[in-house]
Amino acid sequence: MMAQMKNFIFDIDGTLINTIDMYMPAMFEVLAKHGYQYTEEETDRLNKEGFGITADDALRLAKVKEADIRPIQEEWFHLSYTRQDRVTVFPEIKEMLDDLSKRAGTQLAVATSKLAYEYAKFQRKYYFADLFKVAITSEDTKKHKPAPDPILAAVKALDADPNTTVYVGDTINDLKAAHAAGVKFATALYGSADPDSIKEAADYLLQTPTDLEKC
């Protein structure tokens, strides 16, 4: 029997908020403008594997030339942030975070692929961000998911016991990072673009966010 989890570290995109329609169509529009074209199969793969990782890593996955990455990333994010009206909070997220924050001895944190300024925008927009004791962004570690570094940084900042720590995410990279960091993984099936890739190896399956309260 697993010990009750006391430390909950969250991914953001695809886990707390649904941002895929904000980011991914904009990425393909900008890539097409710069001459990058993809088959339907390649587009499907990029939507599944390129969402939820750093922008630079997503563009490298799309085989963008190194010299094009910075200008395309800036243009992509500029277009994405004109589409913030497409972002929604997943149902039950607020209730789940409120309930966990009141559980004795529990700590909440985030480890995200977002840049620091993006996290600042998230923090200003969503009141529940104040419940996170620690926030690790892509600028806080040299290596990013699927490397364990962001999660390890959060564990260290929380002074948490890995045996009672769970990382909550929606992608295969989240799962790999969590297990490489020596913590449990809870898969956000409700937000995953590719749930079949993470079902079998996950420690907890979350059909809805409030399922996390059973951990």
C-alpha atoms as a PDB file:
ATOM      1  CA  MET A   1       0.000   0.000   0.000  1.00  0.00           C
ATOM      2  CA  MET A   2       1.361   3.432  -0.968  1.00  0.00           C
ATOM      3  CA  ALA A   3       1.941   6.049   1.693  1.00  0.00           C
ATOM      4  CA  GLN A   4      -0.444   8.974   1.631  1.00  0.00           C
ATOM      5  CA  MET A   5       0.949  11.761  -0.522  1.00  0.00           C
ATOM      6  CA  LYS A   6       1.835  14.988   1.279  1.00  0.00           C
ATOM      7  CA  ASN A   7       3.657  16.912  -1.455  1.00  0.00           C
ATOM      8  CA  PHE A   8       1.858  17.648  -4.712  1.00  0.00           C
ATOM      9  CA  ILE A   9       3.844  19.150  -7.581  1.00  0.00           C
ATOM     10  CA  PHE A  10       1.877  20.172 -10.655  1.00  0.00           C
ATOM     11  CA  ASP A  11       2.503  20.715 -14.313  1.00  0.00           C
ATOM     12  CA  ILE A  12       0.356  23.601 -15.603  1.00  0.00           C
ATOM     13  CA  ASP A  13      -0.550  23.288 -19.291  1.00  0.00           C
ATOM     14  CA  GLY A  14      -2.851  20.327 -19.849  1.00  0.00           C
ATOM     15  CA  THR A  15      -3.031  19.691 -16.110  1.00  0.00           C
ATOM     16  CA  LEU A  16      -4.391  22.812 -14.392  1.00  0.00           C
ATOM     17  CA  ILE A  17      -5.456  24.833 -17.415  1.00  0.00           C
ATOM     18  CA  ASN A  18      -6.387  23.801 -20.959  1.00  0.00           C
ATOM     19  CA  THR A  19      -4.085  25.819 -23.235  1.00  0.00           C
ATOM     20  CA  ILE A  20      -3.631  23.533 -26.237  1.00  0.00           C
ATOM     21  CA  ASP A  21      -5.901  25.658 -28.458  1.00  0.00           C
ATOM     22  CA  MET A  22      -3.981  28.759 -27.463  1.00  0.00           C
ATOM     23  CA  TYR A  23      -0.533  27.409 -28.276  1.00  0.00           C
ATOM     24  CA  MET A  24      -0.578  24.671 -30.895  1.00  0.00           C
ATOM     25  CA  PRO A  25      -2.597  26.171 -33.802  1.00  0.00           C
ATOM     26  CA  ALA A  26      -0.522  29.340 -33.398  1.00  0.00           C
ATOM     27  CA  MET A  27       2.690  27.334 -33.608  1.00  0.00           C
ATOM     28  CA  PHE A  28       1.686  25.704 -36.880  1.00  0.00           C
ATOM     29  CA  GLU A  29       0.560  29.031 -38.348  1.00  0.00           C
ATOM     30  CA  VAL A  30       3.914  30.639 -37.601  1.00  0.00           C
ATOM     31  CA  LEU A  31       5.851  27.610 -38.825  1.00  0.00           C
ATOM     32  CA  ALA A  32       3.922  27.643 -42.114  1.00  0.00           C
ATOM     33  CA  LYS A  33       4.685  31.342 -42.512  1.00  0.00           C
ATOM     34  CA  HIS A  34       8.377  30.478 -42.241  1.00  0.00           C
ATOM     35  CA  GLY A  35       8.137  27.669 -44.783  1.00  0.00           C
ATOM     36  CA  TYR A  36       7.813  24.670 -42.476  1.00  0.00           C
ATOM     37  CA  GLN A  37       5.152  22.226 -43.672  1.00  0.00           C
ATOM     38  CA  TYR A  38       3.997  18.969 -42.086  1.00  0.00           C
ATOM     39  CA  THR A  39       1.947  15.962 -43.082  1.00  0.00           C
ATOM     40  CA  GLU A  40      -1.223  15.125 -41.186  1.00  0.00           C
ATOM     41  CA  GLU A  41       0.653  12.356 -39.381  1.00  0.00           C
ATOM     42  CA  GLU A  42       3.501  14.698 -38.425  1.00  0.00           C
ATOM     43  CA  THR A  43       1.042  17.332 -37.219  1.00  0.00           C
ATOM     44  CA  ASP A  44      -0.721  14.786 -35.012  1.00  0.00           C
ATOM     45  CA  ARG A  45       2.618  13.669 -33.543  1.00  0.00           C
ATOM     46  CA  LEU A  46       3.713  17.247 -32.860  1.00  0.00           C
ATOM     47  CA  ASN A  47       0.402  18.048 -31.184  1.00  0.00           C
ATOM     48  CA  LYS A  48       0.889  15.071 -28.863  1.00  0.00           C
ATOM     49  CA  GLU A  49       4.620  15.307 -28.212  1.00  0.00           C
ATOM     50  CA  GLY A  50       5.261  19.034 -28.629  1.00  0.00           C
ATOM     51  CA  PHE A  51       2.647  20.283 -26.181  1.00  0.00           C
ATOM     52  CA  GLY A  52       3.767  20.765 -22.588  1.00  0.00           C
ATOM     53  CA  ILE A  53       7.507  20.913 -23.245  1.00  0.00           C
ATOM     54  CA  THR A  54       9.629  24.048 -23.565  1.00  0.00           C
ATOM     55  CA  ALA A  55       9.068  26.108 -26.703  1.00  0.00           C
ATOM     56  CA  ASP A  56      12.641  25.559 -27.849  1.00  0.00           C
ATOM     57  CA  ASP A  57      12.302  21.793 -27.441  1.00  0.00           C
ATOM     58  CA  ALA A  58       8.971  21.798 -29.309  1.00  0.00           C
ATOM     59  CA  LEU A  59      10.502  23.673 -32.225  1.00  0.00           C
ATOM     60  CA  ARG A  60      13.491  21.333 -32.308  1.00  0.00           C
ATOM     61  CA  LEU A  61      11.046  18.417 -32.346  1.00  0.00           C
ATOM     62  CA  ALA A  62       9.486  20.124 -35.386  1.00  0.00           C
ATOM     63  CA  LYS A  63      12.953  20.119 -37.010  1.00  0.00           C
ATOM     64  CA  VAL A  64      13.238  23.902 -37.034  1.00  0.00           C
ATOM     65  CA  LYS A  65      16.714  25.195 -37.883  1.00  0.00           C
ATOM     66  CA  GLU A  66      18.600  26.520 -34.860  1.00  0.00           C
ATOM     67  CA  ALA A  67      18.899  29.952 -36.460  1.00  0.00           C
ATOM     68  CA  ASP A  68      15.107  30.125 -36.828  1.00  0.00           C
ATOM     69  CA  ILE A  69      14.188  29.021 -33.320  1.00  0.00           C
ATOM     70  CA  ARG A  70      14.423  32.344 -31.509  1.00  0.00           C
ATOM     71  CA  PRO A  71      12.494  34.488 -34.042  1.00  0.00           C
ATOM     72  CA  ILE A  72       9.847  31.785 -34.527  1.00  0.00           C
ATOM     73  CA  GLN A  73       9.472  31.293 -30.765  1.00  0.00           C
ATOM     74  CA  GLU A  74       8.924  35.017 -30.229  1.00  0.00           C
ATOM     75  CA  GLU A  75       6.411  35.231 -33.065  1.00  0.00           C
ATOM     76  CA  TRP A  76       4.644  32.074 -31.886  1.00  0.00           C
ATOM     77  CA  PHE A  77       4.232  33.367 -28.336  1.00  0.00           C
ATOM     78  CA  HIS A  78       3.078  36.781 -29.527  1.00  0.00           C
ATOM     79  CA  LEU A  79       0.333  35.139 -31.604  1.00  0.00           C
ATOM     80  CA  SER A  80      -0.551  32.708 -28.800  1.00  0.00           C
ATOM     81  CA  TYR A  81      -1.123  35.490 -26.298  1.00  0.00           C
ATOM     82  CA  THR A  82      -3.662  37.124 -28.596  1.00  0.00           C
ATOM     83  CA  ARG A  83      -5.702  33.946 -28.073  1.00  0.00           C
ATOM     84  CA  GLN A  84      -5.915  33.801 -24.298  1.00  0.00           C
ATOM     85  CA  ASP A  85      -9.701  33.701 -24.599  1.00  0.00           C
ATOM     86  CA  ARG A  86      -9.265  30.062 -25.681  1.00  0.00           C
ATOM     87  CA  VAL A  87      -7.807  29.074 -22.290  1.00  0.00           C
ATOM     88  CA  THR A  88     -10.025  27.421 -19.695  1.00  0.00           C
ATOM     89  CA  VAL A  89      -9.479  26.029 -16.217  1.00  0.00           C
ATOM     90  CA  PHE A  90     -10.280  22.333 -16.118  1.00  0.00           C
ATOM     91  CA  PRO A  91     -13.422  21.538 -14.112  1.00  0.00           C
ATOM     92  CA  GLU A  92     -12.772  20.702 -10.426  1.00  0.00           C
ATOM     93  CA  ILE A  93      -9.247  22.200 -10.397  1.00  0.00           C
ATOM     94  CA  LYS A  94     -10.161  25.000  -7.999  1.00  0.00           C
ATOM     95  CA  GLU A  95     -12.015  22.658  -5.667  1.00  0.00           C
ATOM     96  CA  MET A  96      -9.200  20.107  -5.681  1.00  0.00           C
ATOM     97  CA  LEU A  97      -6.484  22.677  -4.926  1.00  0.00           C
ATOM     98  CA  ASP A  98      -8.556  24.309  -2.196  1.00  0.00           C
ATOM     99  CA  ASP A  99      -9.202  20.933  -0.552  1.00  0.00           C
ATOM    100  CA  LEU A 100      -5.573  19.784  -0.735  1.00  0.00           C
ATOM    101  CA  SER A 101      -4.308  23.095   0.632  1.00  0.00           C
ATOM    102  CA  LYS A 102      -6.398  22.513   3.755  1.00  0.00           C
ATOM    103  CA  ARG A 103      -5.097  18.984   4.330  1.00  0.00           C
ATOM    104  CA  ALA A 104      -2.753  18.914   7.318  1.00  0.00           C
ATOM    105  CA  GLY A 105       0.933  18.637   6.443  1.00  0.00           C
ATOM    106  CA  THR A 106       0.359  19.104   2.718  1.00  0.00           C
ATOM    107  CA  GLN A 107       2.504  21.252   0.409  1.00  0.00           C
ATOM    108  CA  LEU A 108       1.672  22.362  -3.132  1.00  0.00           C
ATOM    109  CA  ALA A 109       4.108  23.403  -5.855  1.00  0.00           C
ATOM    110  CA  VAL A 110       4.456  23.681  -9.617  1.00  0.00           C
ATOM    111  CA  ALA A 111       7.217  22.553 -11.973  1.00  0.00           C
ATOM    112  CA  THR A 112       6.398  23.885 -15.419  1.00  0.00           C
ATOM    113  CA  SER A 113       7.960  24.300 -18.851  1.00  0.00           C
ATOM    114  CA  LYS A 114       6.645  27.857 -18.920  1.00  0.00           C
ATOM    115  CA  LEU A 115       9.090  30.749 -18.975  1.00  0.00           C
ATOM    116  CA  ALA A 116       9.212  32.917 -15.843  1.00  0.00           C
ATOM    117  CA  TYR A 117       7.236  35.768 -17.430  1.00  0.00           C
ATOM    118  CA  GLU A 118       4.569  33.299 -18.564  1.00  0.00           C
ATOM    119  CA  TYR A 119       4.255  31.954 -15.037  1.00  0.00           C
ATOM    120  CA  ALA A 120       3.912  35.532 -13.762  1.00  0.00           C
ATOM    121  CA  LYS A 121       0.964  35.999 -16.137  1.00  0.00           C
ATOM    122  CA  PHE A 122      -0.562  32.745 -14.893  1.00  0.00           C
ATOM    123  CA  GLN A 123      -0.061  33.829 -11.274  1.00  0.00           C
ATOM    124  CA  ARG A 124      -1.779  37.167 -11.849  1.00  0.00           C
ATOM    125  CA  LYS A 125      -4.749  35.609 -13.632  1.00  0.00           C
ATOM    126  CA  TYR A 126      -5.573  32.655 -11.372  1.00  0.00           C
ATOM    127  CA  TYR A 127      -6.040  33.198  -7.643  1.00  0.00           C
ATOM    128  CA  PHE A 128      -5.281  29.560  -6.864  1.00  0.00           C
ATOM    129  CA  ALA A 129      -1.654  30.126  -7.908  1.00  0.00           C
ATOM    130  CA  ASP A 130      -1.209  31.665  -4.460  1.00  0.00           C
ATOM    131  CA  LEU A 131      -1.621  28.178  -2.999  1.00  0.00           C
ATOM    132  CA  PHE A 132       1.702  27.047  -4.472  1.00  0.00           C
ATOM    133  CA  LYS A 133       4.568  27.326  -2.031  1.00  0.00           C
ATOM    134  CA  VAL A 134       7.176  26.808  -4.762  1.00  0.00           C
ATOM    135  CA  ALA A 135       7.200  27.483  -8.515  1.00  0.00           C
ATOM    136  CA  ILE A 136       9.922  26.077 -10.775  1.00  0.00           C
ATOM    137  CA  THR A 137       9.934  27.445 -14.340  1.00  0.00           C
ATOM    138  CA  SER A 138      12.028  26.457 -17.351  1.00  0.00           C
ATOM    139  CA  GLU A 139      14.544  29.160 -16.437  1.00  0.00           C
ATOM    140  CA  ASP A 140      15.297  27.607 -13.051  1.00  0.00           C
ATOM    141  CA  THR A 141      17.032  24.494 -14.417  1.00  0.00           C
ATOM    142  CA  LYS A 142      19.443  23.824 -17.256  1.00  0.00           C
ATOM    143  CA  LYS A 143      17.753  20.553 -18.174  1.00  0.00           C
ATOM    144  CA  HIS A 144      14.018  20.176 -18.727  1.00  0.00           C
ATOM    145  CA  LYS A 145      11.466  17.392 -18.788  1.00  0.00           C
ATOM    146  CA  PRO A 146      11.850  14.475 -19.479  1.00  0.00           C
ATOM    147  CA  ALA A 147      14.974  15.093 -17.368  1.00  0.00           C
ATOM    148  CA  PRO A 148      14.101  15.046 -13.637  1.00  0.00           C
ATOM    149  CA  ASP A 149      15.761  18.387 -12.874  1.00  0.00           C
ATOM    150  CA  PRO A 150      12.612  20.588 -12.564  1.00  0.00           C
ATOM    151  CA  ILE A 151      10.925  18.115 -10.234  1.00  0.00           C
ATOM    152  CA  LEU A 152      14.078  17.584  -8.197  1.00  0.00           C
ATOM    153  CA  ALA A 153      14.365  21.363  -7.835  1.00  0.00           C
ATOM    154  CA  ALA A 154      10.802  21.535  -6.520  1.00  0.00           C
ATOM    155  CA  VAL A 155      11.381  18.624  -4.122  1.00  0.00           C
ATOM    156  CA  LYS A 156      14.491  20.346  -2.788  1.00  0.00           C
ATOM    157  CA  ALA A 157      12.768  23.713  -2.414  1.00  0.00           C
ATOM    158  CA  LEU A 158       9.902  22.074  -0.501  1.00  0.00           C
ATOM    159  CA  ASP A 159      12.328  19.997   1.577  1.00  0.00           C
ATOM    160  CA  ALA A 160       9.991  17.156   0.689  1.00  0.00           C
ATOM    161  CA  ASP A 161      10.299  13.411   1.175  1.00  0.00           C
ATOM    162  CA  PRO A 162      10.228  11.830  -2.324  1.00  0.00           C
ATOM    163  CA  ASN A 163       8.345   8.858  -0.872  1.00  0.00           C
ATOM    164  CA  THR A 164       5.348  11.081  -0.135  1.00  0.00           C
ATOM    165  CA  THR A 165       5.635  13.253  -3.230  1.00  0.00           C
ATOM    166  CA  VAL A 166       3.620  13.023  -6.440  1.00  0.00           C
ATOM    167  CA  TYR A 167       4.017  14.902  -9.699  1.00  0.00           C
ATOM    168  CA  VAL A 168       0.800  15.573 -11.588  1.00  0.00           C
ATOM    169  CA  GLY A 169       1.072  15.883 -15.365  1.00  0.00           C
ATOM    170  CA  ASP A 170      -0.456  15.023 -18.718  1.00  0.00           C
ATOM    171  CA  THR A 171       2.403  13.890 -20.987  1.00  0.00           C
ATOM    172  CA  ILE A 172       4.906  11.075 -21.355  1.00  0.00           C
ATOM    173  CA  ASN A 173       7.678  13.571 -20.579  1.00  0.00           C
ATOM    174  CA  ASP A 174       5.976  14.400 -17.281  1.00  0.00           C
ATOM    175  CA  LEU A 175       5.843  10.695 -16.423  1.00  0.00           C
ATOM    176  CA  LYS A 176       9.492  10.095 -17.329  1.00  0.00           C
ATOM    177  CA  ALA A 177      10.617  13.135 -15.327  1.00  0.00           C
ATOM    178  CA  ALA A 178       8.625  12.115 -12.257  1.00  0.00           C
ATOM    179  CA  HIS A 179       9.935   8.561 -12.152  1.00  0.00           C
ATOM    180  CA  ALA A 180      13.500   9.706 -12.884  1.00  0.00           C
ATOM    181  CA  ALA A 181      13.156  12.049  -9.898  1.00  0.00           C
ATOM    182  CA  GLY A 182      12.061   9.153  -7.681  1.00  0.00           C
ATOM    183  CA  VAL A 183       8.529  10.429  -7.045  1.00  0.00           C
ATOM    184  CA  LYS A 184       5.110   9.047  -7.889  1.00  0.00           C
ATOM    185  CA  PHE A 185       3.269  10.149 -11.022  1.00  0.00           C
ATOM    186  CA  ALA A 186      -0.423  10.981 -11.326  1.00  0.00           C
ATOM    187  CA  THR A 187      -1.622  11.220 -14.893  1.00  0.00           C
ATOM    188  CA  ALA A 188      -4.175  13.891 -15.760  1.00  0.00           C
ATOM    189  CA  LEU A 189      -6.166  11.782 -18.204  1.00  0.00           C
ATOM    190  CA  TYR A 190      -8.785  14.537 -18.360  1.00  0.00           C
ATOM    191  CA  GLY A 191      -6.300  16.898 -20.028  1.00  0.00           C
ATOM    192  CA  SER A 192      -3.894  14.636 -21.884  1.00  0.00           C
ATOM    193  CA  ALA A 193      -3.560  14.871 -25.667  1.00  0.00           C
ATOM    194  CA  ASP A 194      -2.201  11.311 -25.678  1.00  0.00           C
ATOM    195  CA  PRO A 195      -3.587   9.448 -22.642  1.00  0.00           C
ATOM    196  CA  ASP A 196      -2.743   5.981 -23.970  1.00  0.00           C
ATOM    197  CA  SER A 197       0.988   6.769 -23.767  1.00  0.00           C
ATOM    198  CA  ILE A 198       0.881   7.341 -20.000  1.00  0.00           C
ATOM    199  CA  LYS A 199      -1.835   5.064 -18.630  1.00  0.00           C
ATOM    200  CA  GLU A 200       0.125   1.915 -17.955  1.00  0.00           C
ATOM    201  CA  ALA A 201       3.176   3.318 -16.168  1.00  0.00           C
ATOM    202  CA  ALA A 202       1.361   5.922 -14.041  1.00  0.00           C
ATOM    203  CA  ASP A 203       1.019   5.386 -10.298  1.00  0.00           C
ATOM    204  CA  TYR A 204      -2.353   7.145 -10.171  1.00  0.00           C
ATOM    205  CA  LEU A 205      -4.967   7.610 -12.889  1.00  0.00           C
ATOM    206  CA  LEU A 206      -6.955  10.819 -12.659  1.00  0.00           C
ATOM    207  CA  GLN A 207     -10.190  10.767 -14.591  1.00  0.00           C
ATOM    208  CA  THR A 208     -11.009  14.084 -12.919  1.00  0.00           C
ATOM    209  CA  PRO A 209      -8.845  16.445 -10.847  1.00  0.00           C
ATOM    210  CA  THR A 210     -10.601  15.580  -7.570  1.00  0.00           C
ATOM    211  CA  ASP A 211      -9.432  11.962  -7.945  1.00  0.00           C
ATOM    212  CA  LEU A 212      -6.094  13.321  -6.696  1.00  0.00           C
ATOM    213  CA  GLU A 213      -7.587  13.770  -3.239  1.00  0.00           C
ATOM    214  CA  LYS A 214      -7.582   9.976  -2.868  1.00  0.00           C
ATOM    215  CA  CYS A 215      -3.777   9.849  -3.085  1.00  0.00           C
END
